[in-house]
């Protein structure tokens, strides 16, 4: 019984939308003047992940690389993303912003692959 509760809490239970980055740089939102830096999301399958980056295959089949800053590592949880590489029934919704052409992940949520369309 306890094992089931721990498993349920460990997989898919992260609500990255309510986290704070802990940085002095504010996370861009859609109200920022620069549309390139607005908070965005992408749903796709995990390709690979490390402490500093996560790669997701987008719905168009292209790999998209996200930088993971140390202060966002807990919310992104690259180890969790990596553990689901090659699992056909699962995908991830990555929350990110772009700055100077680079994508920065601030959270990753496990979702059903049915969200891929």
PDB file of N, CA and C in Angstrom:
ATOM      1  N   UNK A   1       0.830  -1.194   0.000  1.00  0.00           N
ATOM      2  CA  UNK A   1       0.000   0.000   0.000  1.00  0.00           C
ATOM      3  C   UNK A   1       0.873   1.255   0.000  1.00  0.00           C
ATOM      4  N   UNK A   2       1.879   1.316   0.843  1.00  0.00           N
ATOM      5  CA  UNK A   2       2.760   2.467   0.907  1.00  0.00           C
ATOM      6  C   UNK A   2       3.539   2.615  -0.399  1.00  0.00           C
ATOM      7  N   UNK A   3       3.963   1.496  -0.976  1.00  0.00           N
ATOM      8  CA  UNK A   3       4.721   1.526  -2.223  1.00  0.00           C
ATOM      9  C   UNK A   3       3.906   2.184  -3.328  1.00  0.00           C
ATOM     10  N   UNK A   4       2.629   1.854  -3.439  1.00  0.00           N
ATOM     11  CA  UNK A   4       1.769   2.432  -4.468  1.00  0.00           C
ATOM     12  C   UNK A   4       1.654   3.939  -4.304  1.00  0.00           C
ATOM     13  N   UNK A   5       1.548   4.400  -3.072  1.00  0.00           N
ATOM     14  CA  UNK A   5       1.442   5.830  -2.814  1.00  0.00           C
ATOM     15  C   UNK A   5       2.742   6.525  -3.199  1.00  0.00           C
ATOM     16  N   UNK A   6       3.885   5.935  -2.864  1.00  0.00           N
ATOM     17  CA  UNK A   6       5.165   6.522  -3.220  1.00  0.00           C
ATOM     18  C   UNK A   6       5.358   6.569  -4.727  1.00  0.00           C
ATOM     19  N   UNK A   7       4.961   5.518  -5.424  1.00  0.00           N
ATOM     20  CA  UNK A   7       5.092   5.502  -6.873  1.00  0.00           C
ATOM     21  C   UNK A   7       4.213   6.564  -7.514  1.00  0.00           C
ATOM     22  N   UNK A   8       3.002   6.708  -7.012  1.00  0.00           N
ATOM     23  CA  UNK A   8       2.086   7.700  -7.565  1.00  0.00           C
ATOM     24  C   UNK A   8       2.619   9.109  -7.329  1.00  0.00           C
ATOM     25  N   UNK A   9       3.234   9.327  -6.182  1.00  0.00           N
ATOM     26  CA  UNK A   9       3.769  10.644  -5.883  1.00  0.00           C
ATOM     27  C   UNK A   9       5.030  10.929  -6.684  1.00  0.00           C
ATOM     28  N   UNK A  10       5.776   9.908  -7.033  1.00  0.00           N
ATOM     29  CA  UNK A  10       7.046  10.101  -7.716  1.00  0.00           C
ATOM     30  C   UNK A  10       6.924  10.264  -9.212  1.00  0.00           C
ATOM     31  N   UNK A  11       5.843   9.853  -9.815  1.00  0.00           N
ATOM     32  CA  UNK A  11       5.716   9.893 -11.266  1.00  0.00           C
ATOM     33  C   UNK A  11       4.455  10.650 -11.651  1.00  0.00           C
ATOM     34  N   UNK A  12       4.615  11.779 -12.280  1.00  0.00           N
ATOM     35  CA  UNK A  12       3.453  12.524 -12.746  1.00  0.00           C
ATOM     36  C   UNK A  12       2.807  13.394 -11.694  1.00  0.00           C
ATOM     37  N   UNK A  13       3.365  13.454 -10.497  1.00  0.00           N
ATOM     38  CA  UNK A  13       2.756  14.238  -9.437  1.00  0.00           C
ATOM     39  C   UNK A  13       3.317  15.631  -9.311  1.00  0.00           C
ATOM     40  N   UNK A  14       4.255  16.017 -10.182  1.00  0.00           N
ATOM     41  CA  UNK A  14       4.887  17.320 -10.096  1.00  0.00           C
ATOM     42  C   UNK A  14       4.002  18.384 -10.708  1.00  0.00           C
ATOM     43  N   UNK A  15       3.756  19.439  -9.963  1.00  0.00           N
ATOM     44  CA  UNK A  15       3.021  20.575 -10.504  1.00  0.00           C
ATOM     45  C   UNK A  15       4.003  21.716 -10.664  1.00  0.00           C
ATOM     46  N   UNK A  16       4.703  21.733 -11.778  1.00  0.00           N
ATOM     47  CA  UNK A  16       5.743  22.718 -11.986  1.00  0.00           C
ATOM     48  C   UNK A  16       5.192  24.124 -12.190  1.00  0.00           C
ATOM     49  N   UNK A  17       3.884  24.252 -12.388  1.00  0.00           N
ATOM     50  CA  UNK A  17       3.324  25.571 -12.639  1.00  0.00           C
ATOM     51  C   UNK A  17       3.326  26.450 -11.400  1.00  0.00           C
ATOM     52  N   UNK A  18       3.490  25.871 -10.211  1.00  0.00           N
ATOM     53  CA  UNK A  18       3.414  26.665  -8.997  1.00  0.00           C
ATOM     54  C   UNK A  18       4.788  26.883  -8.370  1.00  0.00           C
ATOM     55  N   UNK A  19       5.856  26.571  -9.072  1.00  0.00           N
ATOM     56  CA  UNK A  19       7.176  26.692  -8.493  1.00  0.00           C
ATOM     57  C   UNK A  19       7.784  28.048  -8.766  1.00  0.00           C
ATOM     58  N   UNK A  20       8.760  28.382  -7.977  1.00  0.00           N
ATOM     59  CA  UNK A  20       9.499  29.622  -8.150  1.00  0.00           C
ATOM     60  C   UNK A  20      10.908  29.271  -8.594  1.00  0.00           C
ATOM     61  N   UNK A  21      11.507  30.113  -9.426  1.00  0.00           N
ATOM     62  CA  UNK A  21      12.833  29.782  -9.941  1.00  0.00           C
ATOM     63  C   UNK A  21      13.930  30.046  -8.934  1.00  0.00           C
ATOM     64  N   UNK A  22      13.698  30.931  -7.988  1.00  0.00           N
ATOM     65  CA  UNK A  22      14.722  31.233  -7.012  1.00  0.00           C
ATOM     66  C   UNK A  22      15.852  32.083  -7.585  1.00  0.00           C
ATOM     67  N   UNK A  23      15.670  32.670  -8.737  1.00  0.00           N
ATOM     68  CA  UNK A  23      16.694  33.499  -9.342  1.00  0.00           C
ATOM     69  C   UNK A  23      16.358  34.960  -9.137  1.00  0.00           C
ATOM     70  N   UNK A  24      17.341  35.815  -9.331  1.00  0.00           N
ATOM     71  CA  UNK A  24      17.074  37.244  -9.266  1.00  0.00           C
ATOM     72  C   UNK A  24      16.510  37.740 -10.588  1.00  0.00           C
ATOM     73  N   UNK A  25      16.723  36.975 -11.655  1.00  0.00           N
ATOM     74  CA  UNK A  25      16.151  37.291 -12.961  1.00  0.00           C
ATOM     75  C   UNK A  25      14.718  36.775 -12.992  1.00  0.00           C
ATOM     76  N   UNK A  26      13.728  37.624 -13.192  1.00  0.00           N
ATOM     77  CA  UNK A  26      12.353  37.107 -13.220  1.00  0.00           C
ATOM     78  C   UNK A  26      12.130  36.208 -14.429  1.00  0.00           C
ATOM     79  N   UNK A  27      11.303  35.199 -14.237  1.00  0.00           N
ATOM     80  CA  UNK A  27      10.928  34.332 -15.353  1.00  0.00           C
ATOM     81  C   UNK A  27       9.993  35.123 -16.239  1.00  0.00           C
ATOM     82  N   UNK A  28      10.298  35.194 -17.529  1.00  0.00           N
ATOM     83  CA  UNK A  28       9.437  35.961 -18.431  1.00  0.00           C
ATOM     84  C   UNK A  28       8.017  35.406 -18.470  1.00  0.00           C
ATOM     85  N   UNK A  29       7.057  36.281 -18.632  1.00  0.00           N
ATOM     86  CA  UNK A  29       5.670  35.870 -18.777  1.00  0.00           C
ATOM     87  C   UNK A  29       5.131  36.454 -20.066  1.00  0.00           C
ATOM     88  N   UNK A  30       3.933  36.057 -20.414  1.00  0.00           N
ATOM     89  CA  UNK A  30       3.351  36.531 -21.671  1.00  0.00           C
ATOM     90  C   UNK A  30       3.058  38.026 -21.648  1.00  0.00           C
ATOM     91  N   UNK A  31       3.188  38.691 -20.511  1.00  0.00           N
ATOM     92  CA  UNK A  31       2.959  40.122 -20.446  1.00  0.00           C
ATOM     93  C   UNK A  31       4.218  40.918 -20.774  1.00  0.00           C
ATOM     94  N   UNK A  32       5.364  40.252 -20.919  1.00  0.00           N
ATOM     95  CA  UNK A  32       6.601  40.944 -21.275  1.00  0.00           C
ATOM     96  C   UNK A  32       6.483  41.531 -22.671  1.00  0.00           C
ATOM     97  N   UNK A  33       7.175  42.645 -22.897  1.00  0.00           N
ATOM     98  CA  UNK A  33       7.136  43.289 -24.204  1.00  0.00           C
ATOM     99  C   UNK A  33       7.760  42.414 -25.277  1.00  0.00           C
ATOM    100  N   UNK A  34       8.840  41.712 -24.953  1.00  0.00           N
ATOM    101  CA  UNK A  34       9.539  40.880 -25.927  1.00  0.00           C
ATOM    102  C   UNK A  34       8.850  39.532 -26.024  1.00  0.00           C
ATOM    103  N   UNK A  35       8.117  39.312 -27.118  1.00  0.00           N
ATOM    104  CA  UNK A  35       7.357  38.067 -27.276  1.00  0.00           C
ATOM    105  C   UNK A  35       8.265  36.854 -27.308  1.00  0.00           C
ATOM    106  N   UNK A  36       9.537  37.030 -27.694  1.00  0.00           N
ATOM    107  CA  UNK A  36      10.476  35.917 -27.750  1.00  0.00           C
ATOM    108  C   UNK A  36      10.764  35.350 -26.362  1.00  0.00           C
ATOM    109  N   UNK A  37      10.618  36.180 -25.324  1.00  0.00           N
ATOM    110  CA  UNK A  37      10.937  35.726 -23.981  1.00  0.00           C
ATOM    111  C   UNK A  37       9.701  35.281 -23.191  1.00  0.00           C
ATOM    112  N   UNK A  38       8.523  35.262 -23.808  1.00  0.00           N
ATOM    113  CA  UNK A  38       7.300  34.861 -23.122  1.00  0.00           C
ATOM    114  C   UNK A  38       7.346  33.379 -22.765  1.00  0.00           C
ATOM    115  N   UNK A  39       6.714  33.015 -21.674  1.00  0.00           N
ATOM    116  CA  UNK A  39       6.645  31.627 -21.244  1.00  0.00           C
ATOM    117  C   UNK A  39       5.850  30.814 -22.261  1.00  0.00           C
ATOM    118  N   UNK A  40       6.416  29.673 -22.671  1.00  0.00           N
ATOM    119  CA  UNK A  40       5.809  28.817 -23.682  1.00  0.00           C
ATOM    120  C   UNK A  40       5.817  27.377 -23.190  1.00  0.00           C
ATOM    121  N   UNK A  41       5.109  26.503 -23.900  1.00  0.00           N
ATOM    122  CA  UNK A  41       5.154  25.071 -23.603  1.00  0.00           C
ATOM    123  C   UNK A  41       5.307  24.286 -24.896  1.00  0.00           C
ATOM    124  N   UNK A  42       5.890  23.098 -24.751  1.00  0.00           N
ATOM    125  CA  UNK A  42       6.032  22.181 -25.872  1.00  0.00           C
ATOM    126  C   UNK A  42       5.770  20.778 -25.341  1.00  0.00           C
ATOM    127  N   UNK A  43       4.949  20.007 -26.044  1.00  0.00           N
ATOM    128  CA  UNK A  43       4.679  18.623 -25.675  1.00  0.00           C
ATOM    129  C   UNK A  43       5.386  17.719 -26.668  1.00  0.00           C
ATOM    130  N   UNK A  44       6.113  16.743 -26.143  1.00  0.00           N
ATOM    131  CA  UNK A  44       6.811  15.808 -27.016  1.00  0.00           C
ATOM    132  C   UNK A  44       7.406  14.654 -26.220  1.00  0.00           C
ATOM    133  N   UNK A  45       8.018  13.738 -26.947  1.00  0.00           N
ATOM    134  CA  UNK A  45       8.638  12.566 -26.312  1.00  0.00           C
ATOM    135  C   UNK A  45      10.073  12.867 -25.907  1.00  0.00           C
ATOM    136  N   UNK A  46      10.479  12.296 -24.783  1.00  0.00           N
ATOM    137  CA  UNK A  46      11.845  12.468 -24.290  1.00  0.00           C
ATOM    138  C   UNK A  46      12.822  11.747 -25.207  1.00  0.00           C
ATOM    139  N   UNK A  47      13.879  12.443 -25.606  1.00  0.00           N
ATOM    140  CA  UNK A  47      14.938  11.872 -26.425  1.00  0.00           C
ATOM    141  C   UNK A  47      16.146  11.562 -25.551  1.00  0.00           C
ATOM    142  N   UNK A  48      16.561  12.546 -24.737  1.00  0.00           N
ATOM    143  CA  UNK A  48      17.652  12.365 -23.779  1.00  0.00           C
ATOM    144  C   UNK A  48      17.626  13.540 -22.806  1.00  0.00           C
ATOM    145  N   UNK A  49      18.306  13.338 -21.682  1.00  0.00           N
ATOM    146  CA  UNK A  49      18.379  14.397 -20.679  1.00  0.00           C
ATOM    147  C   UNK A  49      19.651  14.237 -19.859  1.00  0.00           C
ATOM    148  N   UNK A  50      20.188  15.362 -19.446  1.00  0.00           N
ATOM    149  CA  UNK A  50      21.336  15.395 -18.548  1.00  0.00           C
ATOM    150  C   UNK A  50      21.082  16.508 -17.548  1.00  0.00           C
ATOM    151  N   UNK A  51      22.027  16.726 -16.638  1.00  0.00           N
ATOM    152  CA  UNK A  51      21.853  17.786 -15.649  1.00  0.00           C
ATOM    153  C   UNK A  51      21.663  19.155 -16.288  1.00  0.00           C
ATOM    154  N   UNK A  52      22.274  19.366 -17.443  1.00  0.00           N
ATOM    155  CA  UNK A  52      22.267  20.702 -18.036  1.00  0.00           C
ATOM    156  C   UNK A  52      21.356  20.874 -19.247  1.00  0.00           C
ATOM    157  N   UNK A  53      20.775  19.769 -19.759  1.00  0.00           N
ATOM    158  CA  UNK A  53      19.872  19.919 -20.903  1.00  0.00           C
ATOM    159  C   UNK A  53      18.885  18.775 -21.007  1.00  0.00           C
ATOM    160  N   UNK A  54      17.769  19.091 -21.665  1.00  0.00           N
ATOM    161  CA  UNK A  54      16.725  18.112 -21.955  1.00  0.00           C
ATOM    162  C   UNK A  54      16.418  18.240 -23.445  1.00  0.00           C
ATOM    163  N   UNK A  55      16.313  17.097 -24.126  1.00  0.00           N
ATOM    164  CA  UNK A  55      15.983  17.096 -25.547  1.00  0.00           C
ATOM    165  C   UNK A  55      14.653  16.370 -25.716  1.00  0.00           C
ATOM    166  N   UNK A  56      13.713  17.039 -26.351  1.00  0.00           N
ATOM    167  CA  UNK A  56      12.362  16.520 -26.566  1.00  0.00           C
ATOM    168  C   UNK A  56      12.100  16.476 -28.066  1.00  0.00           C
ATOM    169  N   UNK A  57      11.518  15.382 -28.535  1.00  0.00           N
ATOM    170  CA  UNK A  57      11.082  15.316 -29.933  1.00  0.00           C
ATOM    171  C   UNK A  57       9.717  15.957 -30.020  1.00  0.00           C
ATOM    172  N   UNK A  58       9.629  17.060 -30.747  1.00  0.00           N
ATOM    173  CA  UNK A  58       8.374  17.777 -30.891  1.00  0.00           C
ATOM    174  C   UNK A  58       7.399  17.026 -31.776  1.00  0.00           C
ATOM    175  N   UNK A  59       6.182  17.521 -31.847  1.00  0.00           N
ATOM    176  CA  UNK A  59       5.142  16.875 -32.641  1.00  0.00           C
ATOM    177  C   UNK A  59       5.469  16.877 -34.133  1.00  0.00           C
ATOM    178  N   UNK A  60       6.361  17.765 -34.558  1.00  0.00           N
ATOM    179  CA  UNK A  60       6.760  17.808 -35.965  1.00  0.00           C
ATOM    180  C   UNK A  60       7.917  16.848 -36.262  1.00  0.00           C
ATOM    181  N   UNK A  61       8.365  16.103 -35.234  1.00  0.00           N
ATOM    182  CA  UNK A  61       9.447  15.142 -35.414  1.00  0.00           C
ATOM    183  C   UNK A  61      10.837  15.710 -35.211  1.00  0.00           C
ATOM    184  N   UNK A  62      10.944  17.011 -35.004  1.00  0.00           N
ATOM    185  CA  UNK A  62      12.238  17.665 -34.801  1.00  0.00           C
ATOM    186  C   UNK A  62      12.620  17.617 -33.318  1.00  0.00           C
ATOM    187  N   UNK A  63      13.907  17.379 -33.053  1.00  0.00           N
ATOM    188  CA  UNK A  63      14.411  17.424 -31.687  1.00  0.00           C
ATOM    189  C   UNK A  63      14.579  18.874 -31.256  1.00  0.00           C
ATOM    190  N   UNK A  64      14.124  19.176 -30.042  1.00  0.00           N
ATOM    191  CA  UNK A  64      14.221  20.518 -29.485  1.00  0.00           C
ATOM    192  C   UNK A  64      15.043  20.415 -28.204  1.00  0.00           C
ATOM    193  N   UNK A  65      16.102  21.201 -28.109  1.00  0.00           N
ATOM    194  CA  UNK A  65      17.004  21.168 -26.958  1.00  0.00           C
ATOM    195  C   UNK A  65      16.694  22.332 -26.030  1.00  0.00           C
ATOM    196  N   UNK A  66      16.611  22.028 -24.737  1.00  0.00           N
ATOM    197  CA  UNK A  66      16.362  23.021 -23.695  1.00  0.00           C
ATOM    198  C   UNK A  66      17.529  23.010 -22.724  1.00  0.00           C
ATOM    199  N   UNK A  67      18.036  24.167 -22.399  1.00  0.00           N
ATOM    200  CA  UNK A  67      19.046  24.299 -21.353  1.00  0.00           C
ATOM    201  C   UNK A  67      18.338  24.239 -20.008  1.00  0.00           C
ATOM    202  N   UNK A  68      18.959  23.545 -19.049  1.00  0.00           N
ATOM    203  CA  UNK A  68      18.417  23.465 -17.697  1.00  0.00           C
ATOM    204  C   UNK A  68      19.390  24.176 -16.766  1.00  0.00           C
ATOM    205  N   UNK A  69      18.962  25.289 -16.202  1.00  0.00           N
ATOM    206  CA  UNK A  69      19.791  26.006 -15.236  1.00  0.00           C
ATOM    207  C   UNK A  69      19.708  25.305 -13.885  1.00  0.00           C
ATOM    208  N   UNK A  70      20.750  25.434 -13.076  1.00  0.00           N
ATOM    209  CA  UNK A  70      20.808  24.748 -11.780  1.00  0.00           C
ATOM    210  C   UNK A  70      19.596  25.067 -10.910  1.00  0.00           C
ATOM    211  N   UNK A  71      19.143  26.308 -10.941  1.00  0.00           N
ATOM    212  CA  UNK A  71      18.009  26.688 -10.089  1.00  0.00           C
ATOM    213  C   UNK A  71      16.679  26.106 -10.575  1.00  0.00           C
ATOM    214  N   UNK A  72      16.652  25.591 -11.797  1.00  0.00           N
ATOM    215  CA  UNK A  72      15.427  24.998 -12.330  1.00  0.00           C
ATOM    216  C   UNK A  72      15.483  23.474 -12.392  1.00  0.00           C
ATOM    217  N   UNK A  73      16.597  22.896 -11.995  1.00  0.00           N
ATOM    218  CA  UNK A  73      16.795  21.448 -12.119  1.00  0.00           C
ATOM    219  C   UNK A  73      15.743  20.644 -11.352  1.00  0.00           C
ATOM    220  N   UNK A  74      15.337  21.093 -10.193  1.00  0.00           N
ATOM    221  CA  UNK A  74      14.340  20.346  -9.422  1.00  0.00           C
ATOM    222  C   UNK A  74      12.991  20.327 -10.136  1.00  0.00           C
ATOM    223  N   UNK A  75      12.588  21.440 -10.697  1.00  0.00           N
ATOM    224  CA  UNK A  75      11.290  21.509 -11.382  1.00  0.00           C
ATOM    225  C   UNK A  75      11.313  20.778 -12.723  1.00  0.00           C
ATOM    226  N   UNK A  76      12.453  20.797 -13.402  1.00  0.00           N
ATOM    227  CA  UNK A  76      12.568  20.095 -14.682  1.00  0.00           C
ATOM    228  C   UNK A  76      12.780  18.604 -14.440  1.00  0.00           C
ATOM    229  N   UNK A  77      13.594  18.259 -13.467  1.00  0.00           N
ATOM    230  CA  UNK A  77      13.913  16.873 -13.098  1.00  0.00           C
ATOM    231  C   UNK A  77      14.419  16.055 -14.289  1.00  0.00           C
ATOM    232  N   UNK A  78      15.601  16.419 -14.805  1.00  0.00           N
ATOM    233  CA  UNK A  78      16.145  15.701 -15.964  1.00  0.00           C
ATOM    234  C   UNK A  78      16.263  14.190 -15.755  1.00  0.00           C
ATOM    235  N   UNK A  79      16.524  13.740 -14.541  1.00  0.00           N
ATOM    236  CA  UNK A  79      16.596  12.298 -14.272  1.00  0.00           C
ATOM    237  C   UNK A  79      15.278  11.601 -14.543  1.00  0.00           C
ATOM    238  N   UNK A  80      14.184  12.254 -14.192  1.00  0.00           N
ATOM    239  CA  UNK A  80      12.855  11.702 -14.452  1.00  0.00           C
ATOM    240  C   UNK A  80      12.593  11.660 -15.953  1.00  0.00           C
ATOM    241  N   UNK A  81      12.953  12.738 -16.636  1.00  0.00           N
ATOM    242  CA  UNK A  81      12.777  12.772 -18.091  1.00  0.00           C
ATOM    243  C   UNK A  81      13.584  11.647 -18.729  1.00  0.00           C
ATOM    244  N   UNK A  82      14.845  11.501 -18.342  1.00  0.00           N
ATOM    245  CA  UNK A  82      15.710  10.455 -18.906  1.00  0.00           C
ATOM    246  C   UNK A  82      15.144   9.059 -18.642  1.00  0.00           C
ATOM    247  N   UNK A  83      14.527   8.856 -17.492  1.00  0.00           N
ATOM    248  CA  UNK A  83      14.007   7.532 -17.152  1.00  0.00           C
ATOM    249  C   UNK A  83      12.850   7.101 -18.054  1.00  0.00           C
ATOM    250  N   UNK A  84      12.269   8.040 -18.799  1.00  0.00           N
ATOM    251  CA  UNK A  84      11.142   7.717 -19.678  1.00  0.00           C
ATOM    252  C   UNK A  84      11.489   7.774 -21.168  1.00  0.00           C
ATOM    253  N   UNK A  85      12.780   7.875 -21.475  1.00  0.00           N
ATOM    254  CA  UNK A  85      13.193   7.825 -22.882  1.00  0.00           C
ATOM    255  C   UNK A  85      12.807   6.459 -23.440  1.00  0.00           C
ATOM    256  N   UNK A  86      12.143   6.445 -24.577  1.00  0.00           N
ATOM    257  CA  UNK A  86      11.747   5.193 -25.222  1.00  0.00           C
ATOM    258  C   UNK A  86      10.457   4.580 -24.709  1.00  0.00           C
ATOM    259  N   UNK A  87       9.767   5.254 -23.785  1.00  0.00           N
ATOM    260  CA  UNK A  87       8.481   4.753 -23.284  1.00  0.00           C
ATOM    261  C   UNK A  87       7.387   5.336 -24.182  1.00  0.00           C
ATOM    262  N   UNK A  88       6.775   4.507 -25.041  1.00  0.00           N
ATOM    263  CA  UNK A  88       5.856   5.036 -26.061  1.00  0.00           C
ATOM    264  C   UNK A  88       4.594   5.692 -25.522  1.00  0.00           C
ATOM    265  N   UNK A  89       4.112   5.307 -24.366  1.00  0.00           N
ATOM    266  CA  UNK A  89       2.858   5.848 -23.859  1.00  0.00           C
ATOM    267  C   UNK A  89       3.001   7.156 -23.104  1.00  0.00           C
ATOM    268  N   UNK A  90       4.242   7.658 -22.966  1.00  0.00           N
ATOM    269  CA  UNK A  90       4.457   8.867 -22.170  1.00  0.00           C
ATOM    270  C   UNK A  90       5.113   9.974 -22.986  1.00  0.00           C
ATOM    271  N   UNK A  91       4.798  11.191 -22.603  1.00  0.00           N
ATOM    272  CA  UNK A  91       5.412  12.378 -23.200  1.00  0.00           C
ATOM    273  C   UNK A  91       5.647  13.370 -22.064  1.00  0.00           C
ATOM    274  N   UNK A  92       6.213  14.509 -22.397  1.00  0.00           N
ATOM    275  CA  UNK A  92       6.439  15.560 -21.411  1.00  0.00           C
ATOM    276  C   UNK A  92       5.972  16.892 -21.970  1.00  0.00           C
ATOM    277  N   UNK A  93       5.404  17.702 -21.086  1.00  0.00           N
ATOM    278  CA  UNK A  93       5.078  19.083 -21.411  1.00  0.00           C
ATOM    279  C   UNK A  93       6.169  19.920 -20.745  1.00  0.00           C
ATOM    280  N   UNK A  94       6.990  20.562 -21.553  1.00  0.00           N
ATOM    281  CA  UNK A  94       8.088  21.368 -21.047  1.00  0.00           C
ATOM    282  C   UNK A  94       7.674  22.835 -21.080  1.00  0.00           C
ATOM    283  N   UNK A  95       7.799  23.495 -19.936  1.00  0.00           N
ATOM    284  CA  UNK A  95       7.568  24.939 -19.857  1.00  0.00           C
ATOM    285  C   UNK A  95       8.927  25.608 -20.026  1.00  0.00           C
ATOM    286  N   UNK A  96       8.976  26.626 -20.879  1.00  0.00           N
ATOM    287  CA  UNK A  96      10.270  27.242 -21.167  1.00  0.00           C
ATOM    288  C   UNK A  96      10.104  28.680 -21.628  1.00  0.00           C
ATOM    289  N   UNK A  97      11.229  29.361 -21.667  1.00  0.00           N
ATOM    290  CA  UNK A  97      11.286  30.685 -22.270  1.00  0.00           C
ATOM    291  C   UNK A  97      12.518  30.726 -23.165  1.00  0.00           C
ATOM    292  N   UNK A  98      12.520  31.655 -24.091  1.00  0.00           N
ATOM    293  CA  UNK A  98      13.651  31.824 -24.995  1.00  0.00           C
ATOM    294  C   UNK A  98      14.334  33.153 -24.705  1.00  0.00           C
ATOM    295  N   UNK A  99      15.652  33.101 -24.708  1.00  0.00           N
ATOM    296  CA  UNK A  99      16.431  34.319 -24.535  1.00  0.00           C
ATOM    297  C   UNK A  99      17.642  34.234 -25.451  1.00  0.00           C
ATOM    298  N   UNK A 100      17.793  35.213 -26.317  1.00  0.00           N
ATOM    299  CA  UNK A 100      18.906  35.266 -27.271  1.00  0.00           C
ATOM    300  C   UNK A 100      19.020  33.978 -28.084  1.00  0.00           C
ATOM    301  N   UNK A 101      17.874  33.439 -28.503  1.00  0.00           N
ATOM    302  CA  UNK A 101      17.844  32.257 -29.354  1.00  0.00           C
ATOM    303  C   UNK A 101      18.030  30.938 -28.631  1.00  0.00           C
ATOM    304  N   UNK A 102      18.197  30.967 -27.321  1.00  0.00           N
ATOM    305  CA  UNK A 102      18.371  29.731 -26.537  1.00  0.00           C
ATOM    306  C   UNK A 102      17.104  29.471 -25.729  1.00  0.00           C
ATOM    307  N   UNK A 103      16.698  28.189 -25.650  1.00  0.00           N
ATOM    308  CA  UNK A 103      15.506  27.791 -24.892  1.00  0.00           C
ATOM    309  C   UNK A 103      15.928  27.337 -23.499  1.00  0.00           C
ATOM    310  N   UNK A 104      15.260  27.863 -22.470  1.00  0.00           N
ATOM    311  CA  UNK A 104      15.546  27.522 -21.091  1.00  0.00           C
ATOM    312  C   UNK A 104      14.327  26.852 -20.473  1.00  0.00           C
ATOM    313  N   UNK A 105      14.462  25.570 -20.088  1.00  0.00           N
ATOM    314  CA  UNK A 105      13.360  24.847 -19.448  1.00  0.00           C
ATOM    315  C   UNK A 105      13.240  25.286 -18.002  1.00  0.00           C
ATOM    316  N   UNK A 106      12.017  25.537 -17.566  1.00  0.00           N
ATOM    317  CA  UNK A 106      11.785  25.876 -16.164  1.00  0.00           C
ATOM    318  C   UNK A 106      10.913  24.839 -15.471  1.00  0.00           C
ATOM    319  N   UNK A 107      10.384  23.866 -16.230  1.00  0.00           N
ATOM    320  CA  UNK A 107       9.575  22.804 -15.661  1.00  0.00           C
ATOM    321  C   UNK A 107       9.272  21.762 -16.712  1.00  0.00           C
ATOM    322  N   UNK A 108       9.056  20.532 -16.268  1.00  0.00           N
ATOM    323  CA  UNK A 108       8.674  19.452 -17.174  1.00  0.00           C
ATOM    324  C   UNK A 108       7.638  18.590 -16.460  1.00  0.00           C
ATOM    325  N   UNK A 109       6.525  18.365 -17.131  1.00  0.00           N
ATOM    326  CA  UNK A 109       5.421  17.582 -16.560  1.00  0.00           C
ATOM    327  C   UNK A 109       5.172  16.347 -17.432  1.00  0.00           C
ATOM    328  N   UNK A 110       5.143  15.204 -16.810  1.00  0.00           N
ATOM    329  CA  UNK A 110       4.821  13.966 -17.532  1.00  0.00           C
ATOM    330  C   UNK A 110       3.367  13.988 -17.940  1.00  0.00           C
ATOM    331  N   UNK A 111       3.110  13.658 -19.223  1.00  0.00           N
ATOM    332  CA  UNK A 111       1.745  13.612 -19.739  1.00  0.00           C
ATOM    333  C   UNK A 111       1.583  12.363 -20.598  1.00  0.00           C
ATOM    334  N   UNK A 112       0.362  12.042 -20.914  1.00  0.00           N
ATOM    335  CA  UNK A 112       0.086  10.906 -21.790  1.00  0.00           C
ATOM    336  C   UNK A 112       0.492  11.243 -23.220  1.00  0.00           C
ATOM    337  N   UNK A 113       1.002  10.256 -23.922  1.00  0.00           N
ATOM    338  CA  UNK A 113       1.374  10.457 -25.331  1.00  0.00           C
ATOM    339  C   UNK A 113       0.152  10.795 -26.184  1.00  0.00           C
ATOM    340  N   UNK A 114      -1.046  10.571 -25.669  1.00  0.00           N
ATOM    341  CA  UNK A 114      -2.258  10.945 -26.413  1.00  0.00           C
ATOM    342  C   UNK A 114      -2.342  12.454 -26.634  1.00  0.00           C
ATOM    343  N   UNK A 115      -1.605  13.226 -25.850  1.00  0.00           N
ATOM    344  CA  UNK A 115      -1.587  14.686 -26.023  1.00  0.00           C
ATOM    345  C   UNK A 115      -0.763  15.115 -27.235  1.00  0.00           C
ATOM    346  N   UNK A 116      -0.089  14.155 -27.856  1.00  0.00           N
ATOM    347  CA  UNK A 116       0.718  14.476 -29.029  1.00  0.00           C
ATOM    348  C   UNK A 116      -0.130  14.687 -30.284  1.00  0.00           C
ATOM    349  N   UNK A 117      -1.378  14.298 -30.221  1.00  0.00           N
ATOM    350  CA  UNK A 117      -2.284  14.546 -31.329  1.00  0.00           C
ATOM    351  C   UNK A 117      -2.335  13.527 -32.381  1.00  0.00           C
TER     352      UNK A 117
END
